[in-house]
Amino acid sequence: MTAEYRFSFGPWNIHEGADPFGPPVRPSVEFGKKLKLYKELGFDAVQFHDDDAVADVDSKSAAQIEQECAAMKQILDDEGLVAEFVAPRLWEDAKGIDGGFTANDAALRQWAIDRARRAIDIANLLGTKLIVLWLAREGTYIRESKNAVDAHHHLVDALNQMLDHDPQIQLAIEPKPNEPMDQAYVPTIGHALAISAQTKDPSRVGGLIETAHAVLAGLDPADEMAFALAFDKLWSVHLNDQNGLKYDQDKSFGAANLRAAYNQVRVLELANYAQTERYVGLDVKVMRTQKADKATLHLTNSREVFLMLLDKVRTFPKHIEQQCIHDRNYEALEFAVLKHLMGS
C-alpha cells in the first residue's frame, strides 16, 4: 500500500510556530536537517519555493543559481529524494505588494514574470518539470483598485510567457478564494481550468487542489478533486484539514472532518491517481503548542491517516454499496459508510 502512493511536503511545514499574534515558540531547524527527516518520516519528494533552493534568488546571476541548484540537487540525490515542484514565491517580496502578475504597474508585472522564469530554470536544475502557482496576491482588497477584466488577461499573458520559456514545463495553478487578499481572482479549480483553456497550450496547464482552500470557498474538496481528475488536470494535492470558514488552518489531514478526508482519498483511488505517479502532497502546520521534539507528528499522522483511510476505501463492502444504489436507499448507504469508518 505504501509503495503505491508517494508523499511529499514542503520544508515550511517544519517551523518555529510564530503566528501574527506571537513570536516563535520552537527553535529553527536547519534546511539540511529538514531534508534528512524526509525518508525517516516516510516521504519521497520535496516541495520547493524558488528561494528554498536559492536564497535571495532575485540578486543571483544565472551562474550562481546554477551552482546553488547543483549543490541542492546533490543533497537530494544523497538523501534519495526528488523535487516534486518549484513555486515562485512572489507574495513575500515587497515588489509583489499589489500582486505580481496582475499588478497595476507594468514593470512589476514584468518582475513577476522574470522571477517565474527563474523558478522554471531552478526546476530544471533540480530535475522537475512541475511549477506550482499559488496566486497569493493576485486579487484585490477593494474592487475599484484594479480592472479585473485586464487582470485576467495579464494572468493569461504571464502563463503564456512561462510556457514559452520552456516547452516541457507544466504549470499547476493552486486556487484559493481569499487570504492574503480579501478576494482572489482564481478562487476555485473551475476558475483555474478556465484560465488554462485560454493559454496557448492548455495541455500543460493544470491544477493543484488544497483541502483547506476548497473548504474556504464553501466547496467540497473531494468534488473539486473529482472535477480536475475528470479532465486529467489534477497534478498534485495539498491535503490538510479546515475547521470551518476561518483563516487557512492547515490542520493535520482528517483532524476536523474524517468523512470528508475519506472522500478525498476515495476520489483519488477511484481515479487511479497513484498510477499517474504524481504525489500526495501535504501542507499541514504543526500546532503552536507542540513541543519541538514532537513537531513532526503532524506530518506522520497525516500520512498514516491517508493510508488508514485508503484501507477503508478498499475494504468498503461493494455489494452493500451497489445494493443501496440500486435500491436508491441512500440513508442505508450513508449509515454503512459511518459504520465502516467507525470499525463496526
Protein backbone atom coordinates (compact mmCIF):
# COMPACT_ATOMS: atom_id res chain seq x y z
CA MET A 1 0.00 0.00 0.00
CA THR A 2 2.68 2.48 0.95
CA ALA A 3 4.58 1.85 -2.28
CA GLU A 4 1.62 2.82 -4.49
CA TYR A 5 1.18 6.38 -3.28
CA ARG A 6 4.18 8.68 -2.99
CA PHE A 7 4.17 11.51 -0.49
CA SER A 8 5.69 14.98 -0.32
CA PHE A 9 5.72 18.03 1.90
CA GLY A 10 7.39 21.42 1.93
CA PRO A 11 10.14 22.34 4.38
CA TRP A 12 7.96 25.21 5.64
CA ASN A 13 5.79 22.58 7.34
CA ILE A 14 8.52 22.18 9.95
CA HIS A 15 8.58 25.61 11.53
CA GLU A 16 9.09 27.67 14.67
CA GLY A 17 5.43 28.28 15.50
CA ALA A 18 5.32 32.05 15.06
CA ASP A 19 1.95 33.49 14.09
CA PRO A 20 0.54 37.01 13.55
CA PHE A 21 -0.14 37.24 17.28
CA GLY A 22 3.03 35.86 18.79
CA PRO A 23 6.73 35.08 18.39
CA PRO A 24 8.43 31.75 17.62
CA VAL A 25 7.99 29.07 20.29
CA ARG A 26 10.38 26.44 18.90
CA PRO A 27 13.98 26.64 17.70
CA SER A 28 14.70 26.81 13.99
CA VAL A 29 15.65 23.63 12.19
CA GLU A 30 18.34 23.94 9.53
CA PHE A 31 17.19 23.25 5.98
CA GLY A 32 19.65 20.38 5.60
CA LYS A 33 18.37 18.74 8.78
CA LYS A 34 14.83 19.02 7.49
CA LEU A 35 15.81 17.18 4.32
CA LYS A 36 17.35 14.38 6.37
CA LEU A 37 13.97 13.84 8.04
CA TYR A 38 12.05 13.13 4.83
CA LYS A 39 12.84 9.45 4.33
CA GLU A 40 12.77 8.82 8.06
CA LEU A 41 9.21 10.16 8.15
CA GLY A 42 8.12 8.19 5.06
CA PHE A 43 8.25 10.90 2.38
CA ASP A 44 9.78 10.75 -1.08
CA ALA A 45 9.71 14.26 -2.50
CA VAL A 46 10.31 17.87 -1.51
CA GLN A 47 8.05 20.77 -2.38
CA PHE A 48 10.24 23.80 -3.14
CA HIS A 49 9.72 27.51 -3.33
CA ASP A 50 12.30 29.10 -5.61
CA ASP A 51 14.03 30.75 -2.65
CA ASP A 52 14.11 27.48 -0.70
CA ALA A 53 16.52 26.26 -3.34
CA VAL A 54 18.30 29.57 -3.98
CA ALA A 55 18.21 32.17 -1.21
CA ASP A 56 17.79 35.79 -2.34
CA VAL A 57 17.08 34.49 -5.81
CA ASP A 58 16.46 37.94 -7.32
CA SER A 59 20.01 39.00 -6.53
CA LYS A 60 21.73 35.94 -8.04
CA SER A 61 23.20 35.60 -11.51
CA ALA A 62 22.38 32.66 -13.75
CA ALA A 63 25.76 31.13 -12.92
CA GLN A 64 25.16 31.48 -9.18
CA ILE A 65 21.70 29.94 -9.50
CA GLU A 66 23.14 27.02 -11.43
CA GLN A 67 25.85 26.48 -8.84
CA GLU A 68 23.50 26.58 -5.86
CA CYS A 69 20.98 24.31 -7.57
CA ALA A 70 23.71 21.79 -8.36
CA ALA A 71 24.59 21.69 -4.67
CA MET A 72 20.93 21.26 -3.70
CA LYS A 73 20.41 18.53 -6.31
CA GLN A 74 23.39 16.66 -4.88
CA ILE A 75 21.86 16.81 -1.41
CA LEU A 76 18.57 15.47 -2.77
CA ASP A 77 20.37 12.65 -4.56
CA ASP A 78 22.34 11.79 -1.43
CA GLU A 79 19.13 11.62 0.61
CA GLY A 80 17.27 9.59 -2.04
CA LEU A 81 14.79 12.43 -2.60
CA VAL A 82 13.43 14.29 -5.61
CA ALA A 83 11.92 17.72 -6.07
CA GLU A 84 8.19 17.49 -6.67
CA PHE A 85 7.80 21.06 -7.87
CA VAL A 86 9.15 24.59 -7.65
CA ALA A 87 6.90 27.57 -6.89
CA PRO A 88 7.91 31.23 -7.39
CA ARG A 89 7.34 32.93 -4.01
CA LEU A 90 6.12 36.29 -5.26
CA TRP A 91 3.91 37.12 -2.29
CA GLU A 92 6.74 37.59 0.23
CA ASP A 93 8.61 40.16 -1.86
CA ALA A 94 7.78 43.84 -1.37
CA LYS A 95 7.58 44.19 -5.16
CA GLY A 96 4.54 41.90 -5.08
CA ILE A 97 2.54 44.12 -2.73
CA ASP A 98 -0.07 44.87 -5.44
CA GLY A 99 0.06 41.38 -6.84
CA GLY A 100 2.69 40.11 -9.22
CA PHE A 101 1.13 39.04 -12.49
CA THR A 102 -1.86 41.37 -12.00
CA ALA A 103 -0.09 44.44 -10.57
CA ASN A 104 -1.21 47.78 -11.97
CA ASP A 105 2.44 48.65 -12.66
CA ALA A 106 3.67 47.01 -15.87
CA ALA A 107 7.25 46.97 -14.56
CA LEU A 108 6.16 44.93 -11.55
CA ARG A 109 4.24 42.52 -13.77
CA GLN A 110 7.44 42.02 -15.73
CA TRP A 111 9.36 41.41 -12.49
CA ALA A 112 6.89 38.66 -11.59
CA ILE A 113 7.22 37.01 -15.00
CA ASP A 114 11.01 37.21 -14.87
CA ARG A 115 11.06 35.62 -11.43
CA ALA A 116 8.71 32.87 -12.63
CA ARG A 117 11.13 32.20 -15.48
CA ARG A 118 13.94 31.86 -12.94
CA ALA A 119 11.77 29.41 -11.00
CA ILE A 120 11.44 27.36 -14.18
CA ASP A 121 15.23 27.38 -14.58
CA ILE A 122 15.58 26.23 -10.96
CA ALA A 123 13.04 23.47 -11.54
CA ASN A 124 15.02 22.18 -14.49
CA LEU A 125 18.24 22.21 -12.48
CA LEU A 126 16.55 20.30 -9.64
CA GLY A 127 15.08 17.73 -12.04
CA THR A 128 11.36 18.54 -12.03
CA LYS A 129 9.07 19.83 -14.76
CA LEU A 130 6.27 20.97 -12.46
CA ILE A 131 5.78 24.61 -11.47
CA VAL A 132 3.10 25.42 -8.89
CA LEU A 133 1.47 28.83 -8.97
CA TRP A 134 -0.25 29.88 -5.78
CA LEU A 135 -1.58 33.24 -6.91
CA ALA A 136 -1.49 34.62 -3.39
CA ARG A 137 -1.79 38.36 -4.04
CA GLU A 138 -3.45 38.14 -7.44
CA GLY A 139 -6.66 39.81 -6.37
CA THR A 140 -7.81 42.94 -4.58
CA TYR A 141 -8.52 44.40 -1.18
CA ILE A 142 -11.04 46.72 -2.84
CA ARG A 143 -12.65 46.08 -6.20
CA GLU A 144 -12.07 49.57 -7.54
CA SER A 145 -8.29 49.24 -7.27
CA LYS A 146 -7.94 47.15 -10.43
CA ASN A 147 -9.61 46.44 -13.72
CA ALA A 148 -10.48 42.79 -13.18
CA VAL A 149 -11.01 42.13 -16.88
CA ASP A 150 -7.50 43.33 -17.63
CA ALA A 151 -6.16 41.39 -14.65
CA HIS A 152 -7.33 38.09 -16.07
CA HIS A 153 -5.73 38.93 -19.40
CA HIS A 154 -2.49 39.69 -17.54
CA LEU A 155 -2.66 36.25 -15.90
CA VAL A 156 -3.03 34.50 -19.23
CA ASP A 157 -0.16 36.54 -20.67
CA ALA A 158 2.08 35.55 -17.75
CA LEU A 159 1.22 31.88 -18.18
CA ASN A 160 1.93 32.07 -21.89
CA GLN A 161 5.34 33.63 -21.28
CA MET A 162 6.17 30.83 -18.84
CA LEU A 163 5.07 28.21 -21.36
CA ASP A 164 7.26 29.87 -23.99
CA HIS A 165 10.25 29.83 -21.64
CA ASP A 166 10.33 26.02 -21.55
CA PRO A 167 8.37 23.77 -23.94
CA GLN A 168 8.38 20.90 -21.43
CA ILE A 169 7.32 22.68 -18.26
CA GLN A 170 3.91 22.07 -16.67
CA LEU A 171 2.08 24.74 -14.68
CA ALA A 172 -0.25 23.77 -11.84
CA ILE A 173 -2.47 26.59 -10.54
CA GLU A 174 -3.34 26.32 -6.85
CA PRO A 175 -6.65 28.13 -6.30
CA LYS A 176 -7.69 29.85 -3.07
CA PRO A 177 -10.62 32.24 -2.54
CA ASN A 178 -9.05 34.67 -0.08
CA GLU A 179 -6.13 35.30 2.28
CA PRO A 180 -3.89 37.17 2.00
CA MET A 181 -6.12 39.10 -0.41
CA ASP A 182 -9.70 39.91 0.51
CA GLN A 183 -10.83 38.44 -2.81
CA ALA A 184 -8.68 36.34 -5.12
CA TYR A 185 -9.06 36.20 -8.88
CA VAL A 186 -8.75 32.40 -9.09
CA PRO A 187 -10.80 31.06 -6.16
CA THR A 188 -11.62 27.53 -7.40
CA ILE A 189 -10.32 24.82 -9.68
CA GLY A 190 -13.04 25.73 -12.18
CA HIS A 191 -11.56 29.21 -12.49
CA ALA A 192 -8.07 27.73 -12.83
CA LEU A 193 -9.06 25.38 -15.63
CA ALA A 194 -10.99 28.12 -17.43
CA ILE A 195 -7.80 30.19 -17.48
CA SER A 196 -5.87 27.10 -18.57
CA ALA A 197 -8.14 26.80 -21.61
CA GLN A 198 -7.24 30.35 -22.68
CA THR A 199 -3.49 29.73 -22.75
CA LYS A 200 -1.51 28.83 -25.85
CA ASP A 201 -1.01 25.25 -24.59
CA PRO A 202 -3.81 24.13 -22.25
CA SER A 203 -2.34 20.62 -22.14
CA ARG A 204 0.48 21.99 -19.97
CA VAL A 205 -1.66 23.99 -17.52
CA GLY A 206 -3.46 22.09 -14.76
CA GLY A 207 -4.15 22.43 -11.07
CA LEU A 208 -3.20 21.65 -7.51
CA ILE A 209 -6.06 21.40 -5.02
CA GLU A 210 -5.62 22.08 -1.32
CA THR A 211 -8.22 20.75 1.09
CA ALA A 212 -8.45 23.91 3.20
CA HIS A 213 -8.67 26.21 0.19
CA ALA A 214 -11.68 24.32 -1.15
CA VAL A 215 -13.38 24.46 2.24
CA LEU A 216 -12.75 28.21 2.47
CA ALA A 217 -14.53 28.56 -0.88
CA GLY A 218 -17.53 26.73 0.60
CA LEU A 219 -16.89 23.70 -1.61
CA ASP A 220 -16.23 20.03 -1.02
CA PRO A 221 -12.53 19.18 -1.58
CA ALA A 222 -13.36 15.74 -2.98
CA ASP A 223 -15.67 17.24 -5.60
CA GLU A 224 -13.05 19.83 -6.55
CA MET A 225 -10.55 16.99 -6.98
CA ALA A 226 -13.07 14.98 -9.00
CA PHE A 227 -13.63 17.91 -11.35
CA ALA A 228 -9.92 18.19 -12.08
CA LEU A 229 -9.44 14.43 -12.28
CA ALA A 230 -12.25 14.12 -14.82
CA PHE A 231 -10.16 16.16 -17.25
CA ASP A 232 -6.73 14.78 -16.27
CA LYS A 233 -5.85 18.13 -14.70
CA LEU A 234 -5.09 17.21 -11.09
CA TRP A 235 -1.31 17.36 -10.94
CA SER A 236 -0.87 17.46 -7.18
CA VAL A 237 -2.80 17.85 -3.95
CA HIS A 238 -2.15 19.58 -0.66
CA LEU A 239 -4.00 17.52 1.89
CA ASN A 240 -4.81 19.06 5.26
CA ASP A 241 -8.00 19.96 7.12
CA GLN A 242 -10.03 23.03 7.97
CA ASN A 243 -12.41 23.69 10.84
CA GLY A 244 -14.96 25.93 9.16
CA LEU A 245 -14.73 29.24 7.33
CA LYS A 246 -11.84 30.77 9.24
CA TYR A 247 -8.28 31.62 8.35
CA ASP A 248 -6.33 28.93 6.49
CA GLN A 249 -5.65 26.50 9.33
CA ASP A 250 -3.68 23.71 7.59
CA LYS A 251 -4.70 21.22 10.25
CA SER A 252 -3.50 17.62 10.07
CA PHE A 253 -5.34 15.62 7.42
CA GLY A 254 -8.60 14.21 8.78
CA ALA A 255 -8.36 16.09 12.08
CA ALA A 256 -11.51 18.19 11.61
CA ASN A 257 -13.65 16.14 9.22
CA LEU A 258 -12.71 12.49 8.90
CA ARG A 259 -15.51 11.65 6.49
CA ALA A 260 -14.51 14.48 4.15
CA ALA A 261 -10.96 13.15 4.32
CA TYR A 262 -12.26 9.66 3.49
CA ASN A 263 -13.97 11.01 0.39
CA GLN A 264 -10.81 12.78 -0.76
CA VAL A 265 -8.90 9.51 -0.53
CA ARG A 266 -11.80 7.71 -2.20
CA VAL A 267 -11.90 10.03 -5.21
CA LEU A 268 -8.13 9.74 -5.69
CA GLU A 269 -8.40 5.96 -5.52
CA LEU A 270 -11.39 5.78 -7.89
CA ALA A 271 -9.46 7.85 -10.43
CA ASN A 272 -6.31 5.69 -10.12
CA TYR A 273 -4.34 8.75 -9.05
CA ALA A 274 -1.43 6.63 -7.83
CA GLN A 275 -0.92 5.30 -11.36
CA THR A 276 -0.27 8.83 -12.63
CA GLU A 277 2.90 8.78 -10.46
CA ARG A 278 2.01 12.22 -9.14
CA TYR A 279 2.43 12.91 -5.45
CA VAL A 280 0.13 13.10 -2.48
CA GLY A 281 1.38 16.35 -1.02
CA LEU A 282 0.77 17.59 2.49
CA ASP A 283 0.54 21.20 3.56
CA VAL A 284 0.00 20.92 7.30
CA LYS A 285 1.06 23.17 10.15
CA VAL A 286 2.13 21.79 13.48
CA MET A 287 0.14 23.16 16.41
CA ARG A 288 1.80 26.12 18.06
CA THR A 289 1.58 24.34 21.41
CA GLN A 290 3.58 21.33 20.23
CA LYS A 291 6.99 20.75 21.81
CA ALA A 292 9.99 20.82 19.49
CA ASP A 293 10.92 17.16 19.91
CA LYS A 294 7.48 16.10 18.61
CA ALA A 295 7.00 18.79 15.99
CA THR A 296 6.86 16.38 13.04
CA LEU A 297 3.91 14.29 14.23
CA HIS A 298 1.52 16.37 12.12
CA LEU A 299 3.31 15.02 9.05
CA THR A 300 3.49 11.36 10.02
CA ASN A 301 -0.03 11.44 11.45
CA SER A 302 -1.44 12.92 8.23
CA ARG A 303 0.33 10.31 6.10
CA GLU A 304 -0.87 7.50 8.36
CA VAL A 305 -4.45 8.78 8.30
CA PHE A 306 -4.31 8.79 4.48
CA LEU A 307 -3.13 5.18 4.43
CA MET A 308 -5.71 4.06 7.01
CA LEU A 309 -8.47 5.74 5.02
CA LEU A 310 -7.12 4.15 1.85
CA ASP A 311 -7.63 0.78 3.52
CA LYS A 312 -11.17 1.84 4.45
CA VAL A 313 -11.87 2.80 0.84
CA ARG A 314 -10.55 -0.50 -0.47
CA THR A 315 -12.37 -2.66 2.07
CA PHE A 316 -15.78 -0.98 1.92
CA PRO A 317 -18.23 -3.77 1.03
CA LYS A 318 -19.00 -3.15 -2.62
CA HIS A 319 -22.08 -5.36 -2.60
CA ILE A 320 -23.68 -3.11 0.02
CA GLU A 321 -22.79 -0.01 -1.98
CA GLN A 322 -24.22 -1.49 -5.16
CA GLN A 323 -27.40 -2.71 -3.47
CA CYS A 324 -28.03 0.65 -1.80
CA ILE A 325 -27.52 2.47 -5.08
CA HIS A 326 -29.78 0.00 -6.88
CA ASP A 327 -32.49 0.47 -4.24
CA ARG A 328 -31.91 4.22 -4.10
CA ASN A 329 -31.57 3.75 -0.35
CA TYR A 330 -29.01 6.45 0.37
CA GLU A 331 -29.79 6.54 4.09
CA ALA A 332 -28.62 2.95 4.28
CA LEU A 333 -25.54 3.76 2.24
CA GLU A 334 -24.65 6.68 4.48
CA PHE A 335 -25.07 4.58 7.60
CA ALA A 336 -22.93 1.83 6.08
CA VAL A 337 -20.15 4.35 5.42
CA LEU A 338 -20.34 5.65 9.00
CA LYS A 339 -20.27 2.14 10.45
CA HIS A 340 -17.30 1.27 8.26
CA LEU A 341 -15.38 4.35 9.33
CA MET A 342 -16.07 3.55 12.99
CA GLY A 343 -14.91 -0.04 12.58
CA SER A 344 -18.32 -1.55 13.18
